[in-house]
């Protein structure tokens, strides 16, 4: 798995890093607080 590529795909799907207000992770998931959830795309 290419973590850099996967991370970029996630950021692209949520509209870029400037849309992230908060990020928490654990071993199996990422939890985002977004400035505008209407920009989210499914991947």
N, C-alpha and C. Protein backbone atom coordinates (compact mmCIF):
# COMPACT_ATOMS: atom_id res chain seq x y z
N UNK A 1 0.85 -1.17 0.00
CA UNK A 1 0.00 0.00 0.00
C UNK A 1 0.90 1.24 0.00
N UNK A 2 0.57 2.17 -0.86
CA UNK A 2 1.29 3.44 -0.93
C UNK A 2 0.53 4.45 -0.07
N UNK A 3 1.04 4.71 1.13
CA UNK A 3 0.33 5.57 2.08
C UNK A 3 0.23 7.01 1.60
N UNK A 4 1.26 7.50 0.93
CA UNK A 4 1.23 8.87 0.42
C UNK A 4 0.13 9.03 -0.63
N UNK A 5 0.04 8.06 -1.53
CA UNK A 5 -0.99 8.09 -2.58
C UNK A 5 -2.39 7.96 -1.98
N UNK A 6 -2.55 7.06 -1.03
CA UNK A 6 -3.84 6.88 -0.37
C UNK A 6 -4.25 8.14 0.38
N UNK A 7 -3.32 8.74 1.08
CA UNK A 7 -3.60 9.98 1.80
C UNK A 7 -4.03 11.10 0.86
N UNK A 8 -3.36 11.19 -0.30
CA UNK A 8 -3.72 12.22 -1.27
C UNK A 8 -5.12 11.98 -1.83
N UNK A 9 -5.48 10.73 -2.07
CA UNK A 9 -6.83 10.41 -2.55
C UNK A 9 -7.89 10.82 -1.53
N UNK A 10 -7.60 10.59 -0.26
CA UNK A 10 -8.54 10.98 0.80
C UNK A 10 -8.68 12.49 0.83
N UNK A 11 -7.57 13.22 0.80
CA UNK A 11 -7.62 14.68 0.81
C UNK A 11 -8.36 15.22 -0.41
N UNK A 12 -8.12 14.64 -1.57
CA UNK A 12 -8.83 15.06 -2.79
C UNK A 12 -10.33 14.86 -2.64
N UNK A 13 -10.73 13.74 -2.03
CA UNK A 13 -12.15 13.41 -1.89
C UNK A 13 -12.88 14.36 -0.93
N UNK A 14 -12.15 14.93 0.03
CA UNK A 14 -12.80 15.83 0.98
C UNK A 14 -12.59 17.30 0.64
N UNK A 15 -11.98 17.55 -0.49
CA UNK A 15 -11.84 18.93 -0.94
C UNK A 15 -10.53 19.60 -0.58
N UNK A 16 -9.55 18.84 -0.11
CA UNK A 16 -8.24 19.38 0.21
C UNK A 16 -8.00 19.58 1.69
N UNK A 17 -6.73 19.72 2.07
CA UNK A 17 -6.38 19.81 3.49
C UNK A 17 -6.92 21.05 4.17
N UNK A 18 -7.19 22.09 3.40
CA UNK A 18 -7.74 23.31 4.01
C UNK A 18 -9.17 23.12 4.50
N UNK A 19 -9.83 22.06 4.09
CA UNK A 19 -11.20 21.76 4.54
C UNK A 19 -11.23 21.02 5.87
N UNK A 20 -10.09 20.52 6.34
CA UNK A 20 -10.03 19.74 7.57
C UNK A 20 -9.84 20.67 8.76
N UNK A 21 -10.77 20.60 9.70
CA UNK A 21 -10.65 21.38 10.93
C UNK A 21 -9.99 20.56 12.03
N UNK A 22 -10.21 19.24 12.01
CA UNK A 22 -9.65 18.35 13.03
C UNK A 22 -9.55 16.95 12.44
N UNK A 23 -8.56 16.20 12.87
CA UNK A 23 -8.36 14.83 12.39
C UNK A 23 -7.90 13.98 13.56
N UNK A 24 -8.56 12.83 13.74
CA UNK A 24 -8.18 11.87 14.77
C UNK A 24 -8.10 10.52 14.08
N UNK A 25 -7.08 9.74 14.42
CA UNK A 25 -6.97 8.42 13.81
C UNK A 25 -6.73 7.36 14.87
N UNK A 26 -7.10 6.14 14.51
CA UNK A 26 -6.74 4.97 15.29
C UNK A 26 -6.26 3.93 14.28
N UNK A 27 -6.10 2.72 14.67
CA UNK A 27 -5.54 1.70 13.79
C UNK A 27 -6.40 1.40 12.57
N UNK A 28 -7.71 1.62 12.66
CA UNK A 28 -8.59 1.20 11.58
C UNK A 28 -9.38 2.31 10.90
N UNK A 29 -9.34 3.53 11.42
CA UNK A 29 -10.17 4.56 10.81
C UNK A 29 -9.62 5.97 11.04
N UNK A 30 -10.13 6.88 10.23
CA UNK A 30 -9.85 8.31 10.36
C UNK A 30 -11.16 9.01 10.65
N UNK A 31 -11.16 9.93 11.58
CA UNK A 31 -12.36 10.71 11.90
C UNK A 31 -12.06 12.17 11.63
N UNK A 32 -12.79 12.76 10.69
CA UNK A 32 -12.57 14.14 10.27
C UNK A 32 -13.68 15.04 10.79
N UNK A 33 -13.34 16.25 11.15
CA UNK A 33 -14.29 17.34 11.32
C UNK A 33 -14.02 18.27 10.15
N UNK A 34 -15.01 18.42 9.28
CA UNK A 34 -14.83 19.20 8.06
C UNK A 34 -15.51 20.55 8.16
N UNK A 35 -14.93 21.52 7.50
CA UNK A 35 -15.51 22.86 7.45
C UNK A 35 -16.82 22.85 6.67
N UNK A 36 -16.88 22.04 5.61
CA UNK A 36 -18.07 21.97 4.75
C UNK A 36 -18.21 20.56 4.23
N UNK A 37 -19.12 19.78 4.80
CA UNK A 37 -19.26 18.38 4.39
C UNK A 37 -19.93 18.20 3.03
N UNK A 38 -20.39 19.27 2.41
CA UNK A 38 -21.00 19.17 1.09
C UNK A 38 -19.96 18.93 -0.01
N UNK A 39 -18.68 19.14 0.28
CA UNK A 39 -17.63 18.96 -0.73
C UNK A 39 -17.12 17.53 -0.80
N UNK A 40 -17.57 16.66 0.10
CA UNK A 40 -17.07 15.29 0.16
C UNK A 40 -17.53 14.49 -1.05
N UNK A 41 -16.58 13.74 -1.62
CA UNK A 41 -16.86 12.85 -2.74
C UNK A 41 -16.57 11.43 -2.27
N UNK A 42 -17.29 10.46 -2.79
CA UNK A 42 -16.99 9.07 -2.45
C UNK A 42 -15.85 8.58 -3.34
N UNK A 43 -15.03 7.71 -2.77
CA UNK A 43 -13.92 7.14 -3.54
C UNK A 43 -14.02 5.64 -3.55
